[in-house]
Amino acid sequence: MQALVLEPDRRLSLREIEIDEPLAVGLHAATKAQIRPGDVALVIGAGTIGTVTALAALAGGCSRVIISDVQQPKLDLVARMGPITPVNVA
């Protein structure tokens, strides 16, 4: 079990360490989707992982990302992050 535990780099802040796992999930999702330049992506959920996934999709070449959620404050936040179209599905 000890082999599965990594000690974080002490130069990183707690905030930087906290985002590592959601970032890894978002990057993995974007990679699995095999994004090509100009693609349009749909992300369901505008929480931390959904937001990072949307940003990873943009970084991977998507021309536009649509993100859905039922909480308007989350959608308002992601709307300021580039070519992301928020959709409230409530």
Protein backbone atom coordinates (compact mmCIF):
# COMPACT_ATOMS: atom_id res chain seq x y z
CA MET A 1 0.00 0.00 0.00
CA GLN A 2 2.87 2.38 0.77
CA ALA A 3 3.96 2.14 -2.88
CA LEU A 4 0.64 3.71 -3.91
CA VAL A 5 1.06 6.79 -1.73
CA LEU A 6 2.90 9.78 -3.15
CA GLU A 7 4.26 12.53 -0.95
CA PRO A 8 3.30 15.92 -2.46
CA ASP A 9 6.03 18.29 -3.50
CA ARG A 10 6.56 20.60 -0.53
CA ARG A 11 6.94 23.59 -2.86
CA LEU A 12 3.25 23.33 -3.81
CA SER A 13 0.56 25.16 -1.89
CA LEU A 14 -2.37 23.25 -0.42
CA ARG A 15 -4.62 24.81 -3.07
CA GLU A 16 -2.35 23.48 -5.84
CA ILE A 17 -2.33 20.03 -4.29
CA GLU A 18 -6.13 20.01 -3.92
CA ILE A 19 -6.70 20.59 -7.64
CA ASP A 20 -4.43 17.73 -8.75
CA GLU A 21 -7.08 14.99 -8.65
CA PRO A 22 -9.86 16.92 -10.45
CA LEU A 23 -7.29 18.06 -13.00
CA ALA A 24 -6.19 14.47 -13.61
CA VAL A 25 -9.82 13.38 -14.08
CA GLY A 26 -10.53 16.24 -16.52
CA LEU A 27 -7.40 15.61 -18.56
CA HIS A 28 -8.15 11.88 -18.66
CA ALA A 29 -11.71 12.54 -19.87
CA ALA A 30 -10.51 14.90 -22.60
CA THR A 31 -7.88 12.38 -23.70
CA LYS A 32 -10.40 9.49 -23.77
CA ALA A 33 -12.73 11.64 -25.90
CA GLN A 34 -10.03 11.86 -28.59
CA ILE A 35 -10.70 15.55 -29.17
CA ARG A 36 -9.77 16.97 -32.54
CA PRO A 37 -9.30 20.66 -33.38
CA GLY A 38 -12.66 22.30 -33.99
CA ASP A 39 -14.74 19.73 -32.08
CA VAL A 40 -17.64 20.78 -29.88
CA ALA A 41 -17.84 19.12 -26.45
CA LEU A 42 -20.70 18.64 -24.02
CA VAL A 43 -19.82 18.42 -20.32
CA ILE A 44 -22.50 17.44 -17.82
CA GLY A 45 -21.94 19.13 -14.47
CA ALA A 46 -20.23 22.44 -13.74
CA GLY A 47 -18.57 21.44 -10.49
CA THR A 48 -14.81 21.30 -10.10
CA ILE A 49 -14.30 18.19 -12.23
CA GLY A 50 -16.75 19.32 -14.91
CA THR A 51 -15.15 22.75 -15.11
CA VAL A 52 -11.65 21.30 -15.38
CA THR A 53 -12.90 18.85 -18.02
CA ALA A 54 -14.35 21.76 -20.02
CA LEU A 55 -11.05 23.64 -19.81
CA ALA A 56 -9.13 20.49 -20.82
CA ALA A 57 -11.44 20.10 -23.82
CA LEU A 58 -10.69 23.68 -24.87
CA ALA A 59 -6.97 23.11 -24.39
CA GLY A 60 -7.28 19.95 -26.47
CA GLY A 61 -8.63 21.90 -29.41
CA CYS A 62 -12.39 22.15 -29.00
CA SER A 63 -13.72 25.31 -30.57
CA ARG A 64 -16.65 25.37 -28.17
CA VAL A 65 -17.76 23.61 -25.00
CA ILE A 66 -21.33 23.36 -23.76
CA ILE A 67 -21.62 22.69 -20.03
CA SER A 68 -24.86 21.86 -18.23
CA ASP A 69 -25.83 22.08 -14.58
CA VAL A 70 -28.82 22.89 -12.39
CA GLN A 71 -27.01 25.47 -10.26
CA GLN A 72 -26.90 28.90 -11.88
CA PRO A 73 -23.98 30.26 -9.79
CA LYS A 74 -21.71 27.49 -11.11
CA LEU A 75 -22.82 28.22 -14.67
CA ASP A 76 -22.22 31.94 -14.19
CA LEU A 77 -18.66 31.19 -13.10
CA VAL A 78 -17.78 28.92 -16.04
CA ALA A 79 -19.35 31.37 -18.51
CA ARG A 80 -16.42 33.70 -17.82
CA MET A 81 -13.81 31.10 -18.77
CA GLY A 82 -13.74 31.39 -22.54
CA PRO A 83 -15.84 29.85 -25.27
CA ILE A 84 -17.98 27.86 -22.83
CA THR A 85 -21.75 27.94 -23.26
CA PRO A 86 -23.56 27.31 -19.96
CA VAL A 87 -26.97 25.62 -20.03
CA ASN A 88 -29.21 25.45 -16.97
CA VAL A 89 -31.11 22.16 -17.19
CA ALA A 90 -33.23 22.71 -14.08
